[in-house]
Amino acid sequence: MAQLAELVGSIASVGYGLAAIGPGIGVGLIFGNGVQAMARQPEAAGLIRSNMFIGFALTEALALIGIVMPFVFGTGS
């Protein structure tokens, strides 16, 4: 029975690792394109920055959901 608990814990860790890939790529794209947009149009930097941080917050919410789900579904027994 202890081996099964260890296996479920390992699978949850791998699941979160895979779930963190998407938000990690998304954050990189958001900030990379935001900096590029601010370099092209410096007069719109304030609007671009605010939209960039809103996108960052939404993307990070996906990572937080990814870390919580193994705990929600992993405690079924």
C-alpha atoms as a PDB file:
ATOM      1  CA  MET A   1       0.000   0.000   0.000  1.00  0.00           C
ATOM      2  CA  ALA A   2       2.886   2.375   0.730  1.00  0.00           C
ATOM      3  CA  GLN A   3       4.314   1.736  -2.711  1.00  0.00           C
ATOM      4  CA  LEU A   4       1.016   2.787  -4.290  1.00  0.00           C
ATOM      5  CA  ALA A   5       1.052   6.072  -2.333  1.00  0.00           C
ATOM      6  CA  GLU A   6       4.614   6.734  -3.482  1.00  0.00           C
ATOM      7  CA  LEU A   7       3.645   6.008  -7.077  1.00  0.00           C
ATOM      8  CA  VAL A   8       0.646   8.372  -6.920  1.00  0.00           C
ATOM      9  CA  GLY A   9       2.868  11.101  -5.424  1.00  0.00           C
ATOM     10  CA  SER A  10       5.419  10.621  -8.192  1.00  0.00           C
ATOM     11  CA  ILE A  11       2.755  10.772 -10.884  1.00  0.00           C
ATOM     12  CA  ALA A  12       1.375  13.993  -9.352  1.00  0.00           C
ATOM     13  CA  SER A  13       4.856  15.534  -9.441  1.00  0.00           C
ATOM     14  CA  VAL A  14       5.327  14.593 -13.079  1.00  0.00           C
ATOM     15  CA  GLY A  15       1.875  15.961 -13.862  1.00  0.00           C
ATOM     16  CA  TYR A  16       2.699  19.325 -12.330  1.00  0.00           C
ATOM     17  CA  GLY A  17       6.004  19.410 -14.179  1.00  0.00           C
ATOM     18  CA  LEU A  18       4.170  18.921 -17.444  1.00  0.00           C
ATOM     19  CA  ALA A  19       1.529  21.465 -16.441  1.00  0.00           C
ATOM     20  CA  ALA A  20       4.223  24.081 -15.798  1.00  0.00           C
ATOM     21  CA  ILE A  21       5.582  23.884 -19.340  1.00  0.00           C
ATOM     22  CA  GLY A  22       2.647  25.720 -20.937  1.00  0.00           C
ATOM     23  CA  PRO A  23       2.578  28.709 -18.565  1.00  0.00           C
ATOM     24  CA  GLY A  24       6.364  28.930 -18.728  1.00  0.00           C
ATOM     25  CA  ILE A  25       6.274  29.232 -22.504  1.00  0.00           C
ATOM     26  CA  GLY A  26       3.331  31.624 -22.291  1.00  0.00           C
ATOM     27  CA  VAL A  27       5.101  33.984 -19.881  1.00  0.00           C
ATOM     28  CA  GLY A  28       8.157  34.028 -22.127  1.00  0.00           C
ATOM     29  CA  LEU A  29       6.054  34.883 -25.158  1.00  0.00           C
ATOM     30  CA  ILE A  30       4.118  37.589 -23.316  1.00  0.00           C
ATOM     31  CA  PHE A  31       7.153  39.444 -22.025  1.00  0.00           C
ATOM     32  CA  GLY A  32       9.237  38.902 -25.158  1.00  0.00           C
ATOM     33  CA  ASN A  33       6.551  40.277 -27.443  1.00  0.00           C
ATOM     34  CA  GLY A  34       5.715  43.037 -24.957  1.00  0.00           C
ATOM     35  CA  VAL A  35       9.282  44.312 -24.928  1.00  0.00           C
ATOM     36  CA  GLN A  36       9.414  44.119 -28.709  1.00  0.00           C
ATOM     37  CA  ALA A  37       6.147  46.069 -29.000  1.00  0.00           C
ATOM     38  CA  MET A  38       7.406  48.753 -26.586  1.00  0.00           C
ATOM     39  CA  ALA A  39      10.593  49.075 -28.612  1.00  0.00           C
ATOM     40  CA  ARG A  40       8.583  49.606 -31.793  1.00  0.00           C
ATOM     41  CA  GLN A  41       6.076  52.056 -30.282  1.00  0.00           C
ATOM     42  CA  PRO A  42       7.474  53.735 -27.167  1.00  0.00           C
ATOM     43  CA  GLU A  43       4.489  56.107 -26.952  1.00  0.00           C
ATOM     44  CA  ALA A  44       2.177  53.131 -26.281  1.00  0.00           C
ATOM     45  CA  ALA A  45       4.401  51.627 -23.573  1.00  0.00           C
ATOM     46  CA  GLY A  46       1.899  52.228 -20.761  1.00  0.00           C
ATOM     47  CA  LEU A  47      -0.958  50.460 -22.532  1.00  0.00           C
ATOM     48  CA  ILE A  48       1.290  47.630 -23.668  1.00  0.00           C
ATOM     49  CA  ARG A  49       2.696  47.179 -20.152  1.00  0.00           C
ATOM     50  CA  SER A  50      -0.752  47.021 -18.542  1.00  0.00           C
ATOM     51  CA  ASN A  51      -1.982  44.485 -21.085  1.00  0.00           C
ATOM     52  CA  MET A  52       1.238  42.534 -20.618  1.00  0.00           C
ATOM     53  CA  PHE A  53       0.698  42.237 -16.854  1.00  0.00           C
ATOM     54  CA  ILE A  54      -2.948  41.200 -17.299  1.00  0.00           C
ATOM     55  CA  GLY A  55      -1.807  38.444 -19.656  1.00  0.00           C
ATOM     56  CA  PHE A  56       0.897  37.447 -17.189  1.00  0.00           C
ATOM     57  CA  ALA A  57      -1.629  37.159 -14.345  1.00  0.00           C
ATOM     58  CA  LEU A  58      -3.971  35.002 -16.422  1.00  0.00           C
ATOM     59  CA  THR A  59      -1.120  32.768 -17.534  1.00  0.00           C
ATOM     60  CA  GLU A  60       0.168  32.344 -13.982  1.00  0.00           C
ATOM     61  CA  ALA A  61      -3.342  31.388 -12.878  1.00  0.00           C
ATOM     62  CA  LEU A  62      -3.010  28.341 -15.125  1.00  0.00           C
ATOM     63  CA  ALA A  63       0.203  27.359 -13.336  1.00  0.00           C
ATOM     64  CA  LEU A  64      -1.474  27.719  -9.945  1.00  0.00           C
ATOM     65  CA  ILE A  65      -4.397  25.585 -11.082  1.00  0.00           C
ATOM     66  CA  GLY A  66      -1.871  23.019 -12.288  1.00  0.00           C
ATOM     67  CA  ILE A  67      -0.205  22.810  -8.869  1.00  0.00           C
ATOM     68  CA  VAL A  68      -3.526  22.505  -6.991  1.00  0.00           C
ATOM     69  CA  MET A  69      -5.185  19.831  -9.134  1.00  0.00           C
ATOM     70  CA  PRO A  70      -2.944  16.914  -8.055  1.00  0.00           C
ATOM     71  CA  PHE A  71      -3.857  17.650  -4.446  1.00  0.00           C
ATOM     72  CA  VAL A  72      -7.567  17.899  -5.245  1.00  0.00           C
ATOM     73  CA  PHE A  73      -7.755  14.661  -7.224  1.00  0.00           C
ATOM     74  CA  GLY A  74      -4.947  12.818  -5.408  1.00  0.00           C
ATOM     75  CA  THR A  75      -6.692  12.584  -2.042  1.00  0.00           C
ATOM     76  CA  GLY A  76      -9.555  10.383  -3.190  1.00  0.00           C
ATOM     77  CA  SER A  77      -8.912   7.394  -0.897  1.00  0.00           C
END
